[in-house]
């Protein structure tokens, strides 16, 4: 992900560019704090889910529309 901070003059704001997304901030400090937290979360270790190890919490039952339940 490309992350960049720029200054915009009218209206005066600081913009954090996240690939195709722009987020406006009133000060460079709040923009930088946002970027720091975002980068920390991106760089944090992540555990990949194991679909085979998960069991559903309740069974999924398929029903036809209009079918009566006895």
PDB file of N, CA and C in Angstrom:
ATOM      1  N   UNK A   1       0.851  -1.165   0.000  1.00  0.00           N
ATOM      2  CA  UNK A   1       0.000   0.000   0.000  1.00  0.00           C
ATOM      3  C   UNK A   1       0.899   1.232   0.000  1.00  0.00           C
ATOM      4  N   UNK A   2       0.625   2.136  -0.914  1.00  0.00           N
ATOM      5  CA  UNK A   2       1.351   3.397  -0.972  1.00  0.00           C
ATOM      6  C   UNK A   2       0.676   4.408  -0.052  1.00  0.00           C
ATOM      7  N   UNK A   3       1.462   4.978   0.870  1.00  0.00           N
ATOM      8  CA  UNK A   3       0.948   5.958   1.823  1.00  0.00           C
ATOM      9  C   UNK A   3       1.787   7.211   1.700  1.00  0.00           C
ATOM     10  N   UNK A   4       1.119   8.359   1.519  1.00  0.00           N
ATOM     11  CA  UNK A   4       1.826   9.627   1.333  1.00  0.00           C
ATOM     12  C   UNK A   4       1.017  10.743   1.990  1.00  0.00           C
ATOM     13  N   UNK A   5       1.706  11.732   2.579  1.00  0.00           N
ATOM     14  CA  UNK A   5       1.060  12.900   3.174  1.00  0.00           C
ATOM     15  C   UNK A   5       1.410  14.122   2.328  1.00  0.00           C
ATOM     16  N   UNK A   6       0.376  14.889   1.930  1.00  0.00           N
ATOM     17  CA  UNK A   6       0.602  16.127   1.198  1.00  0.00           C
ATOM     18  C   UNK A   6      -0.223  17.239   1.836  1.00  0.00           C
ATOM     19  N   UNK A   7       0.128  18.475   1.503  1.00  0.00           N
ATOM     20  CA  UNK A   7      -0.581  19.643   2.009  1.00  0.00           C
ATOM     21  C   UNK A   7      -1.433  20.224   0.893  1.00  0.00           C
ATOM     22  N   UNK A   8      -2.689  20.538   1.212  1.00  0.00           N
ATOM     23  CA  UNK A   8      -3.596  21.163   0.247  1.00  0.00           C
ATOM     24  C   UNK A   8      -3.927  22.563   0.760  1.00  0.00           C
ATOM     25  N   UNK A   9      -3.882  23.554  -0.117  1.00  0.00           N
ATOM     26  CA  UNK A   9      -4.038  24.946   0.290  1.00  0.00           C
ATOM     27  C   UNK A   9      -5.487  25.398   0.452  1.00  0.00           C
ATOM     28  N   UNK A  10      -6.378  25.027  -0.452  1.00  0.00           N
ATOM     29  CA  UNK A  10      -7.741  25.560  -0.373  1.00  0.00           C
ATOM     30  C   UNK A  10      -8.741  24.425  -0.343  1.00  0.00           C
ATOM     31  N   UNK A  11      -9.391  24.144   0.736  1.00  0.00           N
ATOM     32  CA  UNK A  11      -9.147  24.657   2.077  1.00  0.00           C
ATOM     33  C   UNK A  11      -7.870  24.023   2.629  1.00  0.00           C
ATOM     34  N   UNK A  12      -7.252  24.696   3.566  1.00  0.00           N
ATOM     35  CA  UNK A  12      -5.971  24.221   4.084  1.00  0.00           C
ATOM     36  C   UNK A  12      -6.156  22.958   4.919  1.00  0.00           C
ATOM     37  N   UNK A  13      -5.698  21.846   4.371  1.00  0.00           N
ATOM     38  CA  UNK A  13      -5.751  20.561   5.073  1.00  0.00           C
ATOM     39  C   UNK A  13      -4.510  19.757   4.712  1.00  0.00           C
ATOM     40  N   UNK A  14      -4.273  18.745   5.498  1.00  0.00           N
ATOM     41  CA  UNK A  14      -3.234  17.762   5.203  1.00  0.00           C
ATOM     42  C   UNK A  14      -3.945  16.509   4.724  1.00  0.00           C
ATOM     43  N   UNK A  15      -3.469  15.936   3.643  1.00  0.00           N
ATOM     44  CA  UNK A  15      -4.143  14.794   3.024  1.00  0.00           C
ATOM     45  C   UNK A  15      -3.236  13.573   3.091  1.00  0.00           C
ATOM     46  N   UNK A  16      -3.789  12.493   3.618  1.00  0.00           N
ATOM     47  CA  UNK A  16      -3.095  11.204   3.594  1.00  0.00           C
ATOM     48  C   UNK A  16      -3.668  10.433   2.415  1.00  0.00           C
ATOM     49  N   UNK A  17      -2.803  10.095   1.467  1.00  0.00           N
ATOM     50  CA  UNK A  17      -3.192   9.348   0.269  1.00  0.00           C
ATOM     51  C   UNK A  17      -2.892   7.873   0.512  1.00  0.00           C
ATOM     52  N   UNK A  18      -3.920   7.044   0.428  1.00  0.00           N
ATOM     53  CA  UNK A  18      -3.790   5.597   0.616  1.00  0.00           C
ATOM     54  C   UNK A  18      -4.198   4.930  -0.691  1.00  0.00           C
ATOM     55  N   UNK A  19      -3.239   4.697  -1.558  1.00  0.00           N
ATOM     56  CA  UNK A  19      -3.528   4.209  -2.907  1.00  0.00           C
ATOM     57  C   UNK A  19      -4.575   5.138  -3.525  1.00  0.00           C
ATOM     58  N   UNK A  20      -5.820   4.699  -3.702  1.00  0.00           N
ATOM     59  CA  UNK A  20      -6.849   5.519  -4.323  1.00  0.00           C
ATOM     60  C   UNK A  20      -7.729   6.281  -3.341  1.00  0.00           C
ATOM     61  N   UNK A  21      -7.454   6.201  -2.058  1.00  0.00           N
ATOM     62  CA  UNK A  21      -8.268   6.853  -1.034  1.00  0.00           C
ATOM     63  C   UNK A  21      -7.541   8.067  -0.485  1.00  0.00           C
ATOM     64  N   UNK A  22      -8.281   9.162  -0.231  1.00  0.00           N
ATOM     65  CA  UNK A  22      -7.714  10.359   0.393  1.00  0.00           C
ATOM     66  C   UNK A  22      -8.449  10.632   1.696  1.00  0.00           C
ATOM     67  N   UNK A  23      -7.677  10.900   2.761  1.00  0.00           N
ATOM     68  CA  UNK A  23      -8.243  11.212   4.067  1.00  0.00           C
ATOM     69  C   UNK A  23      -7.681  12.555   4.501  1.00  0.00           C
ATOM     70  N   UNK A  24      -8.561  13.522   4.815  1.00  0.00           N
ATOM     71  CA  UNK A  24      -8.144  14.873   5.193  1.00  0.00           C
ATOM     72  C   UNK A  24      -7.969  15.003   6.699  1.00  0.00           C
ATOM     73  N   UNK A  25      -6.950  15.787   7.093  1.00  0.00           N
ATOM     74  CA  UNK A  25      -6.679  16.084   8.497  1.00  0.00           C
ATOM     75  C   UNK A  25      -6.399  17.571   8.641  1.00  0.00           C
ATOM     76  N   UNK A  26      -6.694  18.121   9.812  1.00  0.00           N
ATOM     77  CA  UNK A  26      -6.505  19.559  10.049  1.00  0.00           C
ATOM     78  C   UNK A  26      -5.068  19.926  10.375  1.00  0.00           C
ATOM     79  N   UNK A  27      -4.269  18.947  10.798  1.00  0.00           N
ATOM     80  CA  UNK A  27      -2.876  19.256  11.116  1.00  0.00           C
ATOM     81  C   UNK A  27      -1.980  18.123  10.631  1.00  0.00           C
ATOM     82  N   UNK A  28      -0.718  18.467  10.419  1.00  0.00           N
ATOM     83  CA  UNK A  28       0.243  17.456   9.974  1.00  0.00           C
ATOM     84  C   UNK A  28       0.469  16.428  11.077  1.00  0.00           C
ATOM     85  N   UNK A  29       0.362  16.821  12.346  1.00  0.00           N
ATOM     86  CA  UNK A  29       0.561  15.884  13.453  1.00  0.00           C
ATOM     87  C   UNK A  29      -0.510  14.798  13.465  1.00  0.00           C
ATOM     88  N   UNK A  30      -1.775  15.186  13.293  1.00  0.00           N
ATOM     89  CA  UNK A  30      -2.837  14.165  13.290  1.00  0.00           C
ATOM     90  C   UNK A  30      -2.719  13.267  12.057  1.00  0.00           C
ATOM     91  N   UNK A  31      -2.306  13.830  10.938  1.00  0.00           N
ATOM     92  CA  UNK A  31      -2.093  13.018   9.736  1.00  0.00           C
ATOM     93  C   UNK A  31      -0.974  12.013   9.972  1.00  0.00           C
ATOM     94  N   UNK A  32       0.123  12.453  10.560  1.00  0.00           N
ATOM     95  CA  UNK A  32       1.256  11.566  10.820  1.00  0.00           C
ATOM     96  C   UNK A  32       0.897  10.509  11.859  1.00  0.00           C
ATOM     97  N   UNK A  33       0.133  10.888  12.895  1.00  0.00           N
ATOM     98  CA  UNK A  33      -0.310   9.903  13.896  1.00  0.00           C
ATOM     99  C   UNK A  33      -1.151   8.813  13.242  1.00  0.00           C
ATOM    100  N   UNK A  34      -2.046   9.205  12.340  1.00  0.00           N
ATOM    101  CA  UNK A  34      -2.879   8.249  11.612  1.00  0.00           C
ATOM    102  C   UNK A  34      -2.012   7.289  10.804  1.00  0.00           C
ATOM    103  N   UNK A  35      -1.042   7.832  10.087  1.00  0.00           N
ATOM    104  CA  UNK A  35      -0.151   7.012   9.261  1.00  0.00           C
ATOM    105  C   UNK A  35       0.656   6.056  10.140  1.00  0.00           C
ATOM    106  N   UNK A  36       1.147   6.539  11.280  1.00  0.00           N
ATOM    107  CA  UNK A  36       1.934   5.683  12.181  1.00  0.00           C
ATOM    108  C   UNK A  36       1.114   4.489  12.675  1.00  0.00           C
ATOM    109  N   UNK A  37      -0.133   4.738  13.088  1.00  0.00           N
ATOM    110  CA  UNK A  37      -0.995   3.652  13.563  1.00  0.00           C
ATOM    111  C   UNK A  37      -1.319   2.690  12.425  1.00  0.00           C
ATOM    112  N   UNK A  38      -1.625   3.236  11.264  1.00  0.00           N
ATOM    113  CA  UNK A  38      -1.946   2.393  10.114  1.00  0.00           C
ATOM    114  C   UNK A  38      -0.768   1.503   9.739  1.00  0.00           C
ATOM    115  N   UNK A  39       0.427   2.068   9.677  1.00  0.00           N
ATOM    116  CA  UNK A  39       1.600   1.267   9.311  1.00  0.00           C
ATOM    117  C   UNK A  39       1.911   0.217  10.375  1.00  0.00           C
ATOM    118  N   UNK A  40       1.702   0.553  11.641  1.00  0.00           N
ATOM    119  CA  UNK A  40       1.919  -0.430  12.708  1.00  0.00           C
ATOM    120  C   UNK A  40       0.960  -1.602  12.555  1.00  0.00           C
ATOM    121  N   UNK A  41      -0.283  -1.306  12.206  1.00  0.00           N
ATOM    122  CA  UNK A  41      -1.263  -2.383  12.027  1.00  0.00           C
ATOM    123  C   UNK A  41      -0.952  -3.219  10.791  1.00  0.00           C
ATOM    124  N   UNK A  42      -0.517  -2.579   9.724  1.00  0.00           N
ATOM    125  CA  UNK A  42      -0.170  -3.315   8.507  1.00  0.00           C
ATOM    126  C   UNK A  42       1.031  -4.222   8.769  1.00  0.00           C
ATOM    127  N   UNK A  43       2.015  -3.727   9.510  1.00  0.00           N
ATOM    128  CA  UNK A  43       3.248  -4.481   9.752  1.00  0.00           C
ATOM    129  C   UNK A  43       3.145  -5.472  10.902  1.00  0.00           C
ATOM    130  N   UNK A  44       2.033  -5.458  11.639  1.00  0.00           N
ATOM    131  CA  UNK A  44       1.869  -6.381  12.765  1.00  0.00           C
ATOM    132  C   UNK A  44       1.734  -7.808  12.240  1.00  0.00           C
ATOM    133  N   UNK A  45       2.175  -8.773  13.033  1.00  0.00           N
ATOM    134  CA  UNK A  45       2.010 -10.166  12.599  1.00  0.00           C
ATOM    135  C   UNK A  45       0.529 -10.530  12.543  1.00  0.00           C
ATOM    136  N   UNK A  46       0.160 -11.282  11.534  1.00  0.00           N
ATOM    137  CA  UNK A  46      -1.216 -11.711  11.361  1.00  0.00           C
ATOM    138  C   UNK A  46      -1.265 -13.230  11.268  1.00  0.00           C
ATOM    139  N   UNK A  47      -2.266 -13.820  11.873  1.00  0.00           N
ATOM    140  CA  UNK A  47      -2.459 -15.266  11.822  1.00  0.00           C
ATOM    141  C   UNK A  47      -3.452 -15.559  10.702  1.00  0.00           C
ATOM    142  N   UNK A  48      -3.067 -16.461   9.821  1.00  0.00           N
ATOM    143  CA  UNK A  48      -3.967 -16.847   8.735  1.00  0.00           C
ATOM    144  C   UNK A  48      -4.998 -17.814   9.284  1.00  0.00           C
ATOM    145  N   UNK A  49      -6.282 -17.586   8.979  1.00  0.00           N
ATOM    146  CA  UNK A  49      -7.319 -18.502   9.480  1.00  0.00           C
ATOM    147  C   UNK A  49      -7.214 -19.854   8.792  1.00  0.00           C
ATOM    148  N   UNK A  50      -7.560 -20.893   9.532  1.00  0.00           N
ATOM    149  CA  UNK A  50      -7.556 -22.247   9.001  1.00  0.00           C
ATOM    150  C   UNK A  50      -9.005 -22.691   8.884  1.00  0.00           C
ATOM    151  N   UNK A  51      -9.533 -22.687   7.685  1.00  0.00           N
ATOM    152  CA  UNK A  51     -10.946 -23.001   7.454  1.00  0.00           C
ATOM    153  C   UNK A  51     -11.295 -24.422   7.884  1.00  0.00           C
ATOM    154  N   UNK A  52     -10.372 -25.350   7.774  1.00  0.00           N
ATOM    155  CA  UNK A  52     -10.643 -26.746   8.136  1.00  0.00           C
ATOM    156  C   UNK A  52     -10.772 -26.921   9.644  1.00  0.00           C
ATOM    157  N   UNK A  53     -10.119 -26.093  10.414  1.00  0.00           N
ATOM    158  CA  UNK A  53     -10.123 -26.234  11.860  1.00  0.00           C
ATOM    159  C   UNK A  53     -11.348 -25.590  12.492  1.00  0.00           C
ATOM    160  N   UNK A  54     -12.074 -24.777  11.763  1.00  0.00           N
ATOM    161  CA  UNK A  54     -13.220 -24.082  12.325  1.00  0.00           C
ATOM    162  C   UNK A  54     -14.467 -24.944  12.204  1.00  0.00           C
ATOM    163  N   UNK A  55     -15.292 -24.915  13.244  1.00  0.00           N
ATOM    164  CA  UNK A  55     -16.568 -25.604  13.200  1.00  0.00           C
ATOM    165  C   UNK A  55     -17.660 -24.551  13.282  1.00  0.00           C
ATOM    166  N   UNK A  56     -18.718 -24.735  12.523  1.00  0.00           N
ATOM    167  CA  UNK A  56     -19.790 -23.738  12.580  1.00  0.00           C
ATOM    168  C   UNK A  56     -20.460 -23.747  13.941  1.00  0.00           C
ATOM    169  N   UNK A  57     -20.955 -22.588  14.356  1.00  0.00           N
ATOM    170  CA  UNK A  57     -21.592 -22.485  15.665  1.00  0.00           C
ATOM    171  C   UNK A  57     -22.975 -23.104  15.655  1.00  0.00           C
ATOM    172  N   UNK A  58     -23.615 -23.152  14.515  1.00  0.00           N
ATOM    173  CA  UNK A  58     -24.904 -23.829  14.380  1.00  0.00           C
ATOM    174  C   UNK A  58     -25.003 -24.374  12.966  1.00  0.00           C
ATOM    175  N   UNK A  59     -25.716 -25.466  12.792  1.00  0.00           N
ATOM    176  CA  UNK A  59     -25.807 -26.049  11.452  1.00  0.00           C
ATOM    177  C   UNK A  59     -26.601 -25.134  10.521  1.00  0.00           C
ATOM    178  N   UNK A  60     -26.225 -25.175   9.258  1.00  0.00           N
ATOM    179  CA  UNK A  60     -26.922 -24.405   8.232  1.00  0.00           C
ATOM    180  C   UNK A  60     -27.928 -25.338   7.569  1.00  0.00           C
ATOM    181  N   UNK A  61     -29.196 -24.938   7.575  1.00  0.00           N
ATOM    182  CA  UNK A  61     -30.249 -25.758   6.999  1.00  0.00           C
ATOM    183  C   UNK A  61     -30.826 -25.027   5.795  1.00  0.00           C
ATOM    184  N   UNK A  62     -30.830 -25.700   4.651  1.00  0.00           N
ATOM    185  CA  UNK A  62     -31.394 -25.111   3.440  1.00  0.00           C
ATOM    186  C   UNK A  62     -32.852 -25.476   3.343  1.00  0.00           C
ATOM    187  N   UNK A  63     -33.700 -24.505   3.039  1.00  0.00           N
ATOM    188  CA  UNK A  63     -35.131 -24.727   2.867  1.00  0.00           C
ATOM    189  C   UNK A  63     -35.592 -24.110   1.583  1.00  0.00           C
ATOM    190  N   UNK A  64     -36.572 -24.723   0.969  1.00  0.00           N
ATOM    191  CA  UNK A  64     -37.182 -24.157  -0.216  1.00  0.00           C
ATOM    192  C   UNK A  64     -38.171 -23.072   0.206  1.00  0.00           C
ATOM    193  N   UNK A  65     -38.273 -22.047  -0.606  1.00  0.00           N
ATOM    194  CA  UNK A  65     -39.251 -21.002  -0.351  1.00  0.00           C
ATOM    195  C   UNK A  65     -40.647 -21.594  -0.447  1.00  0.00           C
ATOM    196  N   UNK A  66     -41.511 -21.323   0.510  1.00  0.00           N
ATOM    197  CA  UNK A  66     -42.891 -21.790   0.488  1.00  0.00           C
ATOM    198  C   UNK A  66     -43.074 -23.199   1.005  1.00  0.00           C
ATOM    199  N   UNK A  67     -42.019 -23.884   1.392  1.00  0.00           N
ATOM    200  CA  UNK A  67     -42.150 -25.242   1.912  1.00  0.00           C
ATOM    201  C   UNK A  67     -42.664 -25.174   3.345  1.00  0.00           C
ATOM    202  N   UNK A  68     -43.505 -26.092   3.709  1.00  0.00           N
ATOM    203  CA  UNK A  68     -44.028 -26.106   5.068  1.00  0.00           C
ATOM    204  C   UNK A  68     -43.060 -26.863   5.969  1.00  0.00           C
ATOM    205  N   UNK A  69     -43.027 -26.426   7.212  1.00  0.00           N
ATOM    206  CA  UNK A  69     -42.153 -27.059   8.195  1.00  0.00           C
ATOM    207  C   UNK A  69     -43.044 -27.869   9.114  1.00  0.00           C
ATOM    208  N   UNK A  70     -42.764 -29.163   9.252  1.00  0.00           N
ATOM    209  CA  UNK A  70     -43.605 -30.033  10.086  1.00  0.00           C
ATOM    210  C   UNK A  70     -42.899 -30.393  11.350  1.00  0.00           C
TER     211      UNK A  70
END
